[in-house]
Each structure stands twice: as structure tokens, then as C-alpha cells.
Amino acid sequence: MDSAKNLSTSFSTMRNLAMGSVLALLLVALAAGFLVYRAYENSGRRVYVVGQTGSVAALSAPTTETHTAYEARNLVRNFMLTMFGHDQYTYKTNLDAALPLIEGRGGRRIYDGFTRGQVLQNYERYAARNVVTVDSVSVDMNHRPWSGRVYIKQRIFIGGEQKSPCRWLLSSTWPKPTARMPTPTAC
């Protein structure tokens, strides 16, 4: 009778251990599933990478409208600073950084204007530099194509002397801005 009792106790102990193991396995599986769900949920959020050319979204959002007004203003501001603010040393680097921010024809038109005006040669010849300050950017994203205005202040230094600053107004349409050659509003 003792051996039957020991066998019964051993069997109930093994059953309890097995049930506890199954229960622990279920709890671990539920916890792992919850953690995977939370990680997947967080992976869809926007992540921004900030660099020399501005901030860009690292992950694309699954919505139809992936750009905010902040992103559009930032794109235009960075384009203006890199495309129009340079000297003989940063000319090629800035153009390489700015041209991907604009559609092909508009960028080609601006680049051809720089080439015809011999901008790089004048920078080298006169030890000149061009400093651009973006005053304000307004963007209207209510209609396609987007439109906006940019106010900039341009200061040109020849040698060590500054010429009188010019203020420029540029207006354009986006998603990739097609900029016209700027016309001064006040020099």
C-alpha cells in the first residue's frame, strides 16, 4: 500500500510540475507576443535623422500624406542655404547637397545660370563669398502642387568688404520646388 501511495504522490507531483511548466510556457508566450506587438507598433512611428542638409524621415509613414508643413519649410530653408550660400571652397559641395532637393529642370536652370554668370570663377578671381540668411518661409500645402514664398537676405563679400545686402523674394511650387531665378525686392 505504501508503494501505491508513493506512486500516487509521485504521479500528482509530476502532474503538478507539468501543469506548472505548461502555465509558465503560456505566460512566456503571451509576454513575448505582447513585446513583439509593442515593438511592431513603435516601429511605424516617424524617426527623424538630422544632418548637415537638414532633417529627413528615416522611416516612411504608411499614410498618403507623408510630409508636414515643418518638413516642407525645412526642405526649402535648407535648399536656399545650400544652393545660394557658398564660396569658392564650398561651391561644389553645396550644389551637390542642394540639387537633390529640387526637381531636375529647376535645378538645371539655376545651375546653368551660375555657369553662365561664372560664379565659381568670380569667387576664385575676387576671393568672394556669398552669405544667405533665410528670413522666413511660408508654405501653402492645402492644394497640389504646393506653393510658397521664401524671403532671404543675401550678403556678398568681395575680399574683406561687404557689398550692400540684397533682400530677395522667391515664390515657387513644390513637391520638389521649381525655383525661378530670384529677383531682388530691395538692394
Protein backbone atom coordinates (compact mmCIF):
# COMPACT_ATOMS: atom_id res chain seq x y z
CA MET A 1 0.00 0.00 0.00
CA ASP A 2 2.91 2.34 0.70
CA SER A 3 4.26 1.87 -2.78
CA ALA A 4 0.84 2.67 -4.26
CA LYS A 5 0.66 5.78 -2.11
CA ASN A 6 4.21 6.83 -3.14
CA LEU A 7 3.32 6.15 -6.78
CA SER A 8 0.17 8.26 -6.43
CA THR A 9 2.13 11.09 -4.77
CA SER A 10 4.83 10.91 -7.46
CA PHE A 11 2.20 10.96 -10.19
CA SER A 12 0.39 14.00 -8.72
CA THR A 13 3.73 15.79 -8.23
CA MET A 14 4.71 15.12 -11.84
CA ARG A 15 1.27 16.26 -12.99
CA ASN A 16 1.58 19.49 -10.97
CA LEU A 17 5.08 20.13 -12.38
CA ALA A 18 3.85 19.52 -15.94
CA MET A 19 0.85 21.82 -15.45
CA GLY A 20 3.11 24.48 -13.92
CA SER A 21 5.52 24.16 -16.86
CA VAL A 22 2.68 24.49 -19.38
CA LEU A 23 1.34 27.51 -17.49
CA ALA A 24 4.82 29.11 -17.39
CA LEU A 25 5.22 28.40 -21.13
CA LEU A 26 1.88 30.09 -21.84
CA LEU A 27 2.85 33.13 -19.74
CA VAL A 28 6.22 33.42 -21.54
CA ALA A 29 4.50 33.09 -24.94
CA LEU A 30 1.95 35.79 -24.04
CA ALA A 31 4.67 38.12 -22.75
CA ALA A 32 6.77 37.56 -25.89
CA GLY A 33 3.74 38.19 -28.10
CA PHE A 34 2.95 41.40 -26.22
CA LEU A 35 6.55 42.61 -26.55
CA VAL A 36 6.61 41.83 -30.28
CA TYR A 37 3.31 43.68 -30.71
CA ARG A 38 4.66 46.76 -28.86
CA ALA A 39 7.88 46.71 -30.90
CA TYR A 40 5.93 46.45 -34.17
CA GLU A 41 3.62 49.27 -33.06
CA ASN A 42 6.56 51.56 -32.24
CA SER A 43 8.37 50.77 -35.48
CA GLY A 44 5.73 52.60 -37.52
CA ARG A 45 6.33 55.92 -35.81
CA ARG A 46 8.35 58.62 -37.52
CA VAL A 47 12.04 58.76 -36.84
CA TYR A 48 13.99 61.79 -37.98
CA VAL A 49 17.64 61.90 -38.84
CA VAL A 50 19.28 65.30 -38.54
CA GLY A 51 22.32 66.01 -40.68
CA GLN A 52 24.10 68.86 -42.45
CA THR A 53 21.43 69.04 -45.12
CA GLY A 54 18.53 69.10 -42.67
CA SER A 55 16.16 66.60 -41.15
CA VAL A 56 14.60 63.75 -43.07
CA ALA A 57 12.27 60.95 -42.09
CA ALA A 58 14.20 57.74 -41.54
CA LEU A 59 11.11 55.54 -41.91
CA SER A 60 8.30 56.31 -44.26
CA ALA A 61 4.90 56.53 -42.68
CA PRO A 62 2.13 54.44 -44.24
CA THR A 63 -0.20 57.42 -44.68
CA THR A 64 -0.94 59.06 -48.02
CA GLU A 65 0.36 62.48 -46.91
CA THR A 66 3.81 61.83 -45.52
CA HIS A 67 5.07 65.41 -45.38
CA THR A 68 4.25 68.02 -42.80
CA ALA A 69 4.46 71.78 -43.19
CA TYR A 70 7.53 71.73 -40.94
CA GLU A 71 9.28 69.30 -43.31
CA ALA A 72 8.40 71.41 -46.35
CA ARG A 73 9.68 74.61 -44.72
CA ASN A 74 12.82 72.81 -43.59
CA LEU A 75 13.42 71.47 -47.10
CA VAL A 76 13.04 74.93 -48.65
CA ARG A 77 15.20 76.58 -45.97
CA ASN A 78 17.98 74.04 -46.42
CA PHE A 79 17.77 74.31 -50.19
CA MET A 80 18.13 78.09 -50.07
CA LEU A 81 21.05 77.98 -47.64
CA THR A 82 22.99 75.35 -49.57
CA MET A 83 22.15 76.47 -53.12
CA PHE A 84 22.77 80.18 -52.74
CA GLY A 85 25.20 80.47 -49.82
CA HIS A 86 28.74 79.45 -50.72
CA ASP A 87 32.26 80.49 -51.59
CA GLN A 88 34.99 79.06 -53.80
CA TYR A 89 35.70 76.26 -51.31
CA THR A 90 32.11 75.15 -50.60
CA TYR A 91 30.59 75.83 -54.04
CA LYS A 92 30.64 72.27 -55.38
CA THR A 93 29.78 70.65 -52.05
CA ASN A 94 26.78 72.92 -51.52
CA LEU A 95 25.49 72.41 -55.07
CA ASP A 96 25.82 68.64 -54.68
CA ALA A 97 23.80 68.85 -51.46
CA ALA A 98 21.16 71.24 -52.85
CA LEU A 99 20.42 69.78 -56.28
CA PRO A 100 18.75 66.58 -54.97
CA LEU A 101 16.28 68.81 -53.07
CA ILE A 102 14.85 70.30 -56.27
CA GLU A 103 13.36 68.78 -59.38
CA GLY A 104 15.67 68.35 -62.38
CA ARG A 105 14.65 71.21 -64.67
CA GLY A 106 14.61 73.88 -61.97
CA GLY A 107 17.96 72.77 -60.60
CA ARG A 108 19.42 72.66 -64.12
CA ARG A 109 18.13 76.19 -64.80
CA ILE A 110 19.75 77.56 -61.63
CA TYR A 111 22.99 75.66 -62.28
CA ASP A 112 23.11 76.96 -65.88
CA GLY A 113 22.61 80.49 -64.56
CA PHE A 114 25.54 80.00 -62.19
CA THR A 115 27.66 78.64 -65.04
CA ARG A 116 26.76 81.48 -67.45
CA GLY A 117 27.42 84.03 -64.73
CA GLN A 118 30.79 82.40 -63.99
CA VAL A 119 30.01 82.29 -60.28
CA LEU A 120 32.83 79.92 -59.35
CA GLN A 121 35.37 81.79 -61.47
CA ASN A 122 34.33 85.09 -59.84
CA TYR A 123 34.67 83.55 -56.39
CA GLU A 124 38.20 82.48 -57.22
CA ARG A 125 39.16 85.68 -59.03
CA TYR A 126 37.88 88.15 -56.41
CA ALA A 127 38.13 85.99 -53.24
CA ALA A 128 34.41 86.49 -52.86
CA ARG A 129 31.80 84.67 -50.82
CA ASN A 130 28.05 84.73 -50.65
CA VAL A 131 26.21 84.51 -47.32
CA VAL A 132 22.48 83.82 -47.35
CA THR A 133 20.15 84.25 -44.40
CA VAL A 134 16.63 82.86 -44.70
CA ASP A 135 14.25 85.34 -43.15
CA SER A 136 11.02 83.39 -43.46
CA VAL A 137 9.40 80.56 -45.37
CA SER A 138 5.65 80.27 -45.85
CA VAL A 139 4.18 77.13 -47.37
CA ASP A 140 0.62 76.52 -48.56
CA MET A 141 0.03 72.76 -48.52
CA ASN A 142 -3.74 72.93 -48.93
CA HIS A 143 -3.63 72.43 -52.70
CA ARG A 144 -1.47 70.39 -55.06
CA PRO A 145 1.07 71.45 -56.23
CA TRP A 146 2.22 73.09 -53.03
CA SER A 147 3.23 76.70 -53.22
CA GLY A 148 5.16 79.03 -51.02
CA ARG A 149 7.31 82.08 -50.59
CA VAL A 150 10.82 82.46 -49.28
CA TYR A 151 12.35 85.70 -48.06
CA ILE A 152 16.13 85.71 -47.92
CA LYS A 153 18.85 88.24 -47.27
CA GLN A 154 21.96 87.92 -49.39
CA ARG A 155 25.28 89.42 -48.37
CA ILE A 156 28.19 89.35 -50.80
CA PHE A 157 31.72 89.80 -49.56
CA ILE A 158 34.44 90.69 -52.05
CA GLY A 159 37.82 90.48 -50.43
CA GLY A 160 37.07 91.66 -46.93
CA GLU A 161 34.40 94.22 -47.85
CA GLN A 162 30.68 93.64 -47.80
CA LYS A 163 28.54 94.97 -50.60
CA SER A 164 25.15 96.37 -49.68
CA PRO A 165 22.85 93.49 -48.71
CA CYS A 166 20.00 92.50 -51.02
CA ARG A 167 16.65 91.10 -49.98
CA TRP A 168 15.06 88.56 -52.27
CA LEU A 169 11.60 87.12 -52.58
CA LEU A 170 11.25 83.76 -54.27
CA SER A 171 8.00 82.05 -54.89
CA SER A 172 7.53 78.62 -56.26
CA THR A 173 5.51 75.40 -56.34
CA TRP A 174 6.52 72.08 -54.83
CA PRO A 175 6.62 68.90 -54.01
CA LYS A 176 10.08 69.45 -55.41
CA PRO A 177 10.46 73.20 -55.73
CA THR A 178 10.91 74.65 -59.18
CA ALA A 179 12.65 77.86 -58.31
CA ARG A 180 12.85 80.75 -60.70
CA MET A 181 15.97 82.85 -60.71
CA PRO A 182 15.49 85.33 -57.88
CA THR A 183 14.64 88.96 -58.44
CA PRO A 184 15.64 91.49 -55.81
CA THR A 185 12.93 93.30 -53.88
CA ALA A 186 15.37 95.74 -52.29
CA CYS A 187 19.14 96.18 -52.64
